[in-house]
Each structure stands twice: as C-alpha cells, then as structure tokens.
C-alpha cells in the first residue's frame, strides 16, 4: 500500500435551516493501492470533485511493459492453439511423404549393399570391418525409415486431445495474467470514491 495521498470531505446536513452547532464532515481517505511514483496530481486543496474524478496518476511504465509482454504471450499461445486445432498443412504432409520415400530408397540400397558384402565376406574378399560397416549402414537406414513413417503418421492423425487441453490451459493462464495486469494498470489512476472537497 502506498501512503495516504489525499482526503475527500463531503458536507452532509440533516436539515436545510440554520441552527447553532457544529457541521459534521465525513472524511474519506483515498489510498494508492500500488507503490509507484506519482507523476501527476490533478487536484488542489479545497477543490470540489465528483465521484470517479481523477485525483492523481502513478507511473505506468513498469505495468505497461508487463501488460504488453502478457498480451504478446497471449497472442502467441492463441496462435499455437489455432495451429494445433488446424493440424498439419498439406505441404508439410507432402514433404514428410517425400522424405519417407527417399529414406525407403536409401534403406533398400543399403540392404542390397549389405547382402553383397555378406557374399564377399563369405569368400574372404571383404574384411570383417567393411562388412560390419555395411551392416550398420543398413540398420541405420531401416531405423530412419521407421522414424519418418512414425512422423508422417503423427501428421496424418492430427493433434492429440491432451495437447489441445494443455494449449487451452496455457492460453487461459495467459488471459488471466492479462486481466490481472489490466486491473493493476487501472489502479494507477487514483479516482475519487464519491463527490466531495479535497481537504
């Protein structure tokens, strides 16, 4: 809490005729809820103000920067959610199919080389090291085909419900943070809670 910044006084008389005695004043202390430097004081002592009238303004730079960052994060998460809902683009699927076809061709070539290397190894025309290398290359190529096939299947099946739920929860959190900062930003403008005179 920031320190007391000003007092509002409002005169209330129970009757309209003159009578001896003291007039009672209701005082309302107006507090700034956030600790930021005062950048503008919009009223002076003795001035009449209406309910909701701006009394003073606190420095908004820190909160504005936080709010802009939160809004940007909200936009990013919203875009990610839309991307997940729409699924993979056809161009991405076509590219994955092409990569799989190429990997399958490579795997077939590596398997033929491995078979040739096995024949040469039996006749001692090829060293064990060269045969091992051919066998390893064939296994790697086969594994690559399996990986690319799984990636293509993932693109074709679309986004999992769990991923959508996570993205929706992340977006809801970002939206809540934006609303919180908007409320904080509004509190940097200190306004009169009711009509009265600045004391």
C-alpha atoms as a PDB file:
ATOM      1  CA  UNK A   1       0.000   0.000   0.000  1.00  0.00           C
ATOM      2  CA  UNK A   2       1.160   3.475  -0.815  1.00  0.00           C
ATOM      3  CA  UNK A   3       0.883   6.207   1.799  1.00  0.00           C
ATOM      4  CA  UNK A   4      -2.196   8.403   2.226  1.00  0.00           C
ATOM      5  CA  UNK A   5      -2.352  10.750  -0.733  1.00  0.00           C
ATOM      6  CA  UNK A   6      -5.370  12.957  -0.097  1.00  0.00           C
ATOM      7  CA  UNK A   7      -8.620  13.269   1.821  1.00  0.00           C
ATOM      8  CA  UNK A   8     -12.091  13.887   0.435  1.00  0.00           C
ATOM      9  CA  UNK A   9     -14.581  15.694   2.600  1.00  0.00           C
ATOM     10  CA  UNK A  10     -18.279  15.878   1.959  1.00  0.00           C
ATOM     11  CA  UNK A  11     -20.676  18.047   3.915  1.00  0.00           C
ATOM     12  CA  UNK A  12     -23.940  16.425   4.951  1.00  0.00           C
ATOM     13  CA  UNK A  13     -26.609  18.448   6.776  1.00  0.00           C
ATOM     14  CA  UNK A  14     -29.628  16.756   8.254  1.00  0.00           C
ATOM     15  CA  UNK A  15     -31.790  19.874   7.823  1.00  0.00           C
ATOM     16  CA  UNK A  16     -31.907  22.873   5.490  1.00  0.00           C
ATOM     17  CA  UNK A  17     -32.494  25.572   8.141  1.00  0.00           C
ATOM     18  CA  UNK A  18     -29.851  27.325  10.239  1.00  0.00           C
ATOM     19  CA  UNK A  19     -29.162  26.073  13.699  1.00  0.00           C
ATOM     20  CA  UNK A  20     -26.361  26.633  16.159  1.00  0.00           C
ATOM     21  CA  UNK A  21     -23.810  23.871  16.469  1.00  0.00           C
ATOM     22  CA  UNK A  22     -21.083  22.118  14.513  1.00  0.00           C
ATOM     23  CA  UNK A  23     -21.343  20.766  11.000  1.00  0.00           C
ATOM     24  CA  UNK A  24     -20.223  17.145  10.713  1.00  0.00           C
ATOM     25  CA  UNK A  25     -17.965  16.136   7.844  1.00  0.00           C
ATOM     26  CA  UNK A  26     -17.468  12.664   6.531  1.00  0.00           C
ATOM     27  CA  UNK A  27     -13.856  12.099   5.595  1.00  0.00           C
ATOM     28  CA  UNK A  28     -12.760   9.542   3.049  1.00  0.00           C
ATOM     29  CA  UNK A  29      -9.087   8.690   2.901  1.00  0.00           C
ATOM     30  CA  UNK A  30      -8.004   7.839  -0.643  1.00  0.00           C
ATOM     31  CA  UNK A  31      -5.092   5.431  -0.849  1.00  0.00           C
ATOM     32  CA  UNK A  32      -2.980   4.469  -3.827  1.00  0.00           C
ATOM     33  CA  UNK A  33      -3.069   0.669  -3.910  1.00  0.00           C
ATOM     34  CA  UNK A  34       0.221   0.300  -5.786  1.00  0.00           C
ATOM     35  CA  UNK A  35       3.632   1.623  -4.850  1.00  0.00           C
ATOM     36  CA  UNK A  36       4.736   3.677  -7.851  1.00  0.00           C
ATOM     37  CA  UNK A  37       5.950   7.288  -8.078  1.00  0.00           C
ATOM     38  CA  UNK A  38       3.289   9.976  -8.504  1.00  0.00           C
ATOM     39  CA  UNK A  39       3.626  11.552 -11.952  1.00  0.00           C
ATOM     40  CA  UNK A  40       0.594  13.878 -11.928  1.00  0.00           C
ATOM     41  CA  UNK A  41      -1.528  15.449  -9.197  1.00  0.00           C
ATOM     42  CA  UNK A  42      -4.786  16.563 -10.834  1.00  0.00           C
ATOM     43  CA  UNK A  43      -6.461  18.337  -7.899  1.00  0.00           C
ATOM     44  CA  UNK A  44      -5.623  21.018  -5.354  1.00  0.00           C
ATOM     45  CA  UNK A  45      -6.708  21.681  -1.781  1.00  0.00           C
ATOM     46  CA  UNK A  46     -10.249  22.985  -1.497  1.00  0.00           C
ATOM     47  CA  UNK A  47     -11.253  21.813  -4.982  1.00  0.00           C
ATOM     48  CA  UNK A  48     -14.682  20.217  -5.417  1.00  0.00           C
ATOM     49  CA  UNK A  49     -14.598  16.832  -7.150  1.00  0.00           C
ATOM     50  CA  UNK A  50     -17.203  14.410  -8.436  1.00  0.00           C
ATOM     51  CA  UNK A  51     -17.289  10.663  -7.861  1.00  0.00           C
ATOM     52  CA  UNK A  52     -14.867   8.947 -10.248  1.00  0.00           C
ATOM     53  CA  UNK A  53     -12.900  12.106 -10.994  1.00  0.00           C
ATOM     54  CA  UNK A  54      -9.164  11.574 -11.495  1.00  0.00           C
ATOM     55  CA  UNK A  55      -7.207  12.744  -8.434  1.00  0.00           C
ATOM     56  CA  UNK A  56      -3.671  11.644  -9.241  1.00  0.00           C
ATOM     57  CA  UNK A  57      -1.730   9.402 -11.581  1.00  0.00           C
ATOM     58  CA  UNK A  58       1.064   6.985 -10.741  1.00  0.00           C
ATOM     59  CA  UNK A  59       3.911   5.993 -13.050  1.00  0.00           C
ATOM     60  CA  UNK A  60       2.584   3.398 -15.517  1.00  0.00           C
ATOM     61  CA  UNK A  61       5.796   2.437 -17.342  1.00  0.00           C
ATOM     62  CA  UNK A  62       6.562  -0.766 -15.425  1.00  0.00           C
ATOM     63  CA  UNK A  63       2.966  -2.022 -15.527  1.00  0.00           C
ATOM     64  CA  UNK A  64       2.546  -1.055 -19.200  1.00  0.00           C
ATOM     65  CA  UNK A  65       5.655  -3.082 -20.111  1.00  0.00           C
ATOM     66  CA  UNK A  66       4.373  -6.098 -18.140  1.00  0.00           C
ATOM     67  CA  UNK A  67       0.947  -5.760 -19.750  1.00  0.00           C
ATOM     68  CA  UNK A  68       2.424  -5.603 -23.269  1.00  0.00           C
ATOM     69  CA  UNK A  69       4.505  -8.714 -22.562  1.00  0.00           C
ATOM     70  CA  UNK A  70       1.434 -10.551 -21.226  1.00  0.00           C
ATOM     71  CA  UNK A  71      -0.650  -9.550 -24.256  1.00  0.00           C
ATOM     72  CA  UNK A  72       2.108 -10.724 -26.619  1.00  0.00           C
ATOM     73  CA  UNK A  73       2.310 -14.042 -24.750  1.00  0.00           C
ATOM     74  CA  UNK A  74      -1.466 -14.402 -25.003  1.00  0.00           C
ATOM     75  CA  UNK A  75      -1.339 -13.805 -28.781  1.00  0.00           C
ATOM     76  CA  UNK A  76       1.477 -16.354 -29.180  1.00  0.00           C
ATOM     77  CA  UNK A  77      -0.395 -19.026 -27.217  1.00  0.00           C
ATOM     78  CA  UNK A  78      -3.606 -18.299 -29.111  1.00  0.00           C
ATOM     79  CA  UNK A  79      -1.756 -18.763 -32.419  1.00  0.00           C
ATOM     80  CA  UNK A  80      -0.255 -22.038 -31.171  1.00  0.00           C
ATOM     81  CA  UNK A  81      -3.703 -23.299 -30.170  1.00  0.00           C
ATOM     82  CA  UNK A  82      -5.126 -22.430 -33.594  1.00  0.00           C
ATOM     83  CA  UNK A  83      -2.223 -24.235 -35.245  1.00  0.00           C
ATOM     84  CA  UNK A  84      -2.878 -27.337 -33.147  1.00  0.00           C
ATOM     85  CA  UNK A  85      -6.601 -27.243 -33.958  1.00  0.00           C
ATOM     86  CA  UNK A  86      -5.995 -26.929 -37.698  1.00  0.00           C
ATOM     87  CA  UNK A  87      -3.410 -29.712 -37.779  1.00  0.00           C
ATOM     88  CA  UNK A  88      -0.523 -30.035 -40.201  1.00  0.00           C
ATOM     89  CA  UNK A  89      -0.562 -28.207 -43.524  1.00  0.00           C
ATOM     90  CA  UNK A  90      -0.808 -30.294 -46.670  1.00  0.00           C
ATOM     91  CA  UNK A  91       2.619 -29.034 -47.756  1.00  0.00           C
ATOM     92  CA  UNK A  92       4.125 -30.364 -44.522  1.00  0.00           C
ATOM     93  CA  UNK A  93       2.470 -33.747 -45.067  1.00  0.00           C
ATOM     94  CA  UNK A  94       3.695 -33.888 -48.687  1.00  0.00           C
ATOM     95  CA  UNK A  95       7.224 -33.049 -47.556  1.00  0.00           C
ATOM     96  CA  UNK A  96       7.108 -35.814 -44.928  1.00  0.00           C
ATOM     97  CA  UNK A  97       5.935 -38.312 -47.559  1.00  0.00           C
ATOM     98  CA  UNK A  98       8.823 -37.314 -49.857  1.00  0.00           C
ATOM     99  CA  UNK A  99      11.350 -37.720 -47.050  1.00  0.00           C
ATOM    100  CA  UNK A 100       9.920 -41.158 -46.240  1.00  0.00           C
ATOM    101  CA  UNK A 101      10.120 -42.252 -49.899  1.00  0.00           C
ATOM    102  CA  UNK A 102      13.730 -41.133 -50.148  1.00  0.00           C
ATOM    103  CA  UNK A 103      14.604 -42.887 -46.877  1.00  0.00           C
ATOM    104  CA  UNK A 104      12.955 -46.098 -48.091  1.00  0.00           C
ATOM    105  CA  UNK A 105      15.011 -45.956 -51.304  1.00  0.00           C
ATOM    106  CA  UNK A 106      18.192 -45.393 -49.286  1.00  0.00           C
ATOM    107  CA  UNK A 107      17.315 -48.292 -46.987  1.00  0.00           C
ATOM    108  CA  UNK A 108      16.778 -50.629 -49.949  1.00  0.00           C
ATOM    109  CA  UNK A 109      20.158 -49.615 -51.406  1.00  0.00           C
ATOM    110  CA  UNK A 110      21.879 -50.154 -48.069  1.00  0.00           C
ATOM    111  CA  UNK A 111      20.241 -53.573 -47.689  1.00  0.00           C
ATOM    112  CA  UNK A 112      21.485 -54.638 -51.163  1.00  0.00           C
ATOM    113  CA  UNK A 113      24.977 -53.428 -50.278  1.00  0.00           C
ATOM    114  CA  UNK A 114      24.818 -55.408 -47.041  1.00  0.00           C
ATOM    115  CA  UNK A 115      23.789 -58.549 -48.961  1.00  0.00           C
ATOM    116  CA  UNK A 116      26.660 -58.077 -51.450  1.00  0.00           C
ATOM    117  CA  UNK A 117      29.042 -57.501 -48.543  1.00  0.00           C
ATOM    118  CA  UNK A 118      27.846 -60.760 -46.926  1.00  0.00           C
ATOM    119  CA  UNK A 119      28.635 -62.724 -50.115  1.00  0.00           C
ATOM    120  CA  UNK A 120      32.072 -61.123 -50.363  1.00  0.00           C
ATOM    121  CA  UNK A 121      32.734 -61.788 -46.682  1.00  0.00           C
ATOM    122  CA  UNK A 122      31.965 -65.497 -47.063  1.00  0.00           C
ATOM    123  CA  UNK A 123      34.592 -65.727 -49.781  1.00  0.00           C
ATOM    124  CA  UNK A 124      37.049 -63.685 -47.684  1.00  0.00           C
ATOM    125  CA  UNK A 125      37.094 -60.980 -50.380  1.00  0.00           C
ATOM    126  CA  UNK A 126      35.921 -58.372 -47.850  1.00  0.00           C
ATOM    127  CA  UNK A 127      37.265 -57.563 -44.426  1.00  0.00           C
ATOM    128  CA  UNK A 128      35.113 -58.017 -41.332  1.00  0.00           C
ATOM    129  CA  UNK A 129      35.350 -54.283 -40.691  1.00  0.00           C
ATOM    130  CA  UNK A 130      33.898 -53.412 -44.115  1.00  0.00           C
ATOM    131  CA  UNK A 131      31.126 -55.958 -43.652  1.00  0.00           C
ATOM    132  CA  UNK A 132      30.278 -54.525 -40.210  1.00  0.00           C
ATOM    133  CA  UNK A 133      30.135 -51.050 -41.724  1.00  0.00           C
ATOM    134  CA  UNK A 134      27.714 -52.209 -44.442  1.00  0.00           C
ATOM    135  CA  UNK A 135      25.526 -53.950 -41.871  1.00  0.00           C
ATOM    136  CA  UNK A 136      25.461 -50.859 -39.637  1.00  0.00           C
ATOM    137  CA  UNK A 137      24.532 -48.604 -42.567  1.00  0.00           C
ATOM    138  CA  UNK A 138      21.625 -50.927 -43.441  1.00  0.00           C
ATOM    139  CA  UNK A 139      20.336 -50.885 -39.851  1.00  0.00           C
ATOM    140  CA  UNK A 140      20.601 -47.093 -39.611  1.00  0.00           C
ATOM    141  CA  UNK A 141      18.733 -46.660 -42.888  1.00  0.00           C
ATOM    142  CA  UNK A 142      15.964 -49.019 -41.731  1.00  0.00           C
ATOM    143  CA  UNK A 143      15.644 -47.150 -38.435  1.00  0.00           C
ATOM    144  CA  UNK A 144      15.418 -43.852 -40.328  1.00  0.00           C
ATOM    145  CA  UNK A 145      12.537 -45.235 -42.379  1.00  0.00           C
ATOM    146  CA  UNK A 146      10.702 -46.226 -39.185  1.00  0.00           C
ATOM    147  CA  UNK A 147      11.204 -42.791 -37.661  1.00  0.00           C
ATOM    148  CA  UNK A 148       9.997 -40.931 -40.754  1.00  0.00           C
ATOM    149  CA  UNK A 149       6.996 -43.243 -41.092  1.00  0.00           C
ATOM    150  CA  UNK A 150       6.016 -42.501 -37.479  1.00  0.00           C
ATOM    151  CA  UNK A 151       6.368 -38.747 -38.077  1.00  0.00           C
ATOM    152  CA  UNK A 152       4.119 -38.968 -41.143  1.00  0.00           C
ATOM    153  CA  UNK A 153       1.511 -40.930 -39.172  1.00  0.00           C
ATOM    154  CA  UNK A 154       1.582 -38.292 -36.454  1.00  0.00           C
ATOM    155  CA  UNK A 155       0.931 -35.557 -39.027  1.00  0.00           C
ATOM    156  CA  UNK A 156      -1.914 -37.540 -40.599  1.00  0.00           C
ATOM    157  CA  UNK A 157      -3.632 -38.302 -37.280  1.00  0.00           C
ATOM    158  CA  UNK A 158      -3.595 -34.667 -36.147  1.00  0.00           C
ATOM    159  CA  UNK A 159      -3.240 -33.194 -32.699  1.00  0.00           C
ATOM    160  CA  UNK A 160      -3.889 -35.307 -29.625  1.00  0.00           C
ATOM    161  CA  UNK A 161      -6.689 -34.149 -27.276  1.00  0.00           C
ATOM    162  CA  UNK A 162      -4.161 -33.899 -24.436  1.00  0.00           C
ATOM    163  CA  UNK A 163      -2.060 -31.429 -26.439  1.00  0.00           C
ATOM    164  CA  UNK A 164      -5.143 -29.315 -27.158  1.00  0.00           C
ATOM    165  CA  UNK A 165      -6.081 -29.337 -23.464  1.00  0.00           C
ATOM    166  CA  UNK A 166      -2.567 -28.229 -22.490  1.00  0.00           C
ATOM    167  CA  UNK A 167      -2.621 -25.425 -25.066  1.00  0.00           C
ATOM    168  CA  UNK A 168      -6.069 -24.275 -23.926  1.00  0.00           C
ATOM    169  CA  UNK A 169      -4.938 -24.226 -20.283  1.00  0.00           C
ATOM    170  CA  UNK A 170      -1.809 -22.237 -21.166  1.00  0.00           C
ATOM    171  CA  UNK A 171      -3.909 -19.703 -23.083  1.00  0.00           C
ATOM    172  CA  UNK A 172      -6.382 -19.382 -20.197  1.00  0.00           C
ATOM    173  CA  UNK A 173      -3.478 -18.690 -17.830  1.00  0.00           C
ATOM    174  CA  UNK A 174      -2.102 -16.002 -20.143  1.00  0.00           C
ATOM    175  CA  UNK A 175      -5.546 -14.395 -20.455  1.00  0.00           C
ATOM    176  CA  UNK A 176      -5.901 -14.325 -16.660  1.00  0.00           C
ATOM    177  CA  UNK A 177      -2.488 -12.673 -16.340  1.00  0.00           C
ATOM    178  CA  UNK A 178      -3.501 -10.036 -18.907  1.00  0.00           C
ATOM    179  CA  UNK A 179      -6.704  -9.288 -16.975  1.00  0.00           C
ATOM    180  CA  UNK A 180      -4.754  -9.032 -13.708  1.00  0.00           C
ATOM    181  CA  UNK A 181      -2.338  -6.530 -15.220  1.00  0.00           C
ATOM    182  CA  UNK A 182      -5.191  -4.531 -16.756  1.00  0.00           C
ATOM    183  CA  UNK A 183      -6.696  -4.199 -13.267  1.00  0.00           C
ATOM    184  CA  UNK A 184      -3.300  -3.190 -11.894  1.00  0.00           C
ATOM    185  CA  UNK A 185      -2.957  -0.612 -14.675  1.00  0.00           C
ATOM    186  CA  UNK A 186      -6.401   0.848 -13.875  1.00  0.00           C
ATOM    187  CA  UNK A 187      -5.403   1.272 -10.220  1.00  0.00           C
ATOM    188  CA  UNK A 188      -2.561   3.572 -11.223  1.00  0.00           C
ATOM    189  CA  UNK A 189      -5.206   6.242 -11.888  1.00  0.00           C
ATOM    190  CA  UNK A 190      -6.473   7.170  -8.413  1.00  0.00           C
ATOM    191  CA  UNK A 191     -10.069   8.426  -8.559  1.00  0.00           C
ATOM    192  CA  UNK A 192     -12.465   9.990  -6.075  1.00  0.00           C
ATOM    193  CA  UNK A 193     -14.698   7.345  -4.460  1.00  0.00           C
ATOM    194  CA  UNK A 194     -17.506   9.922  -4.108  1.00  0.00           C
ATOM    195  CA  UNK A 195     -18.228  13.609  -4.561  1.00  0.00           C
ATOM    196  CA  UNK A 196     -16.632  15.996  -2.102  1.00  0.00           C
ATOM    197  CA  UNK A 197     -13.981  18.618  -1.471  1.00  0.00           C
ATOM    198  CA  UNK A 198     -10.232  17.993  -1.322  1.00  0.00           C
ATOM    199  CA  UNK A 199      -9.017  18.515   2.224  1.00  0.00           C
END
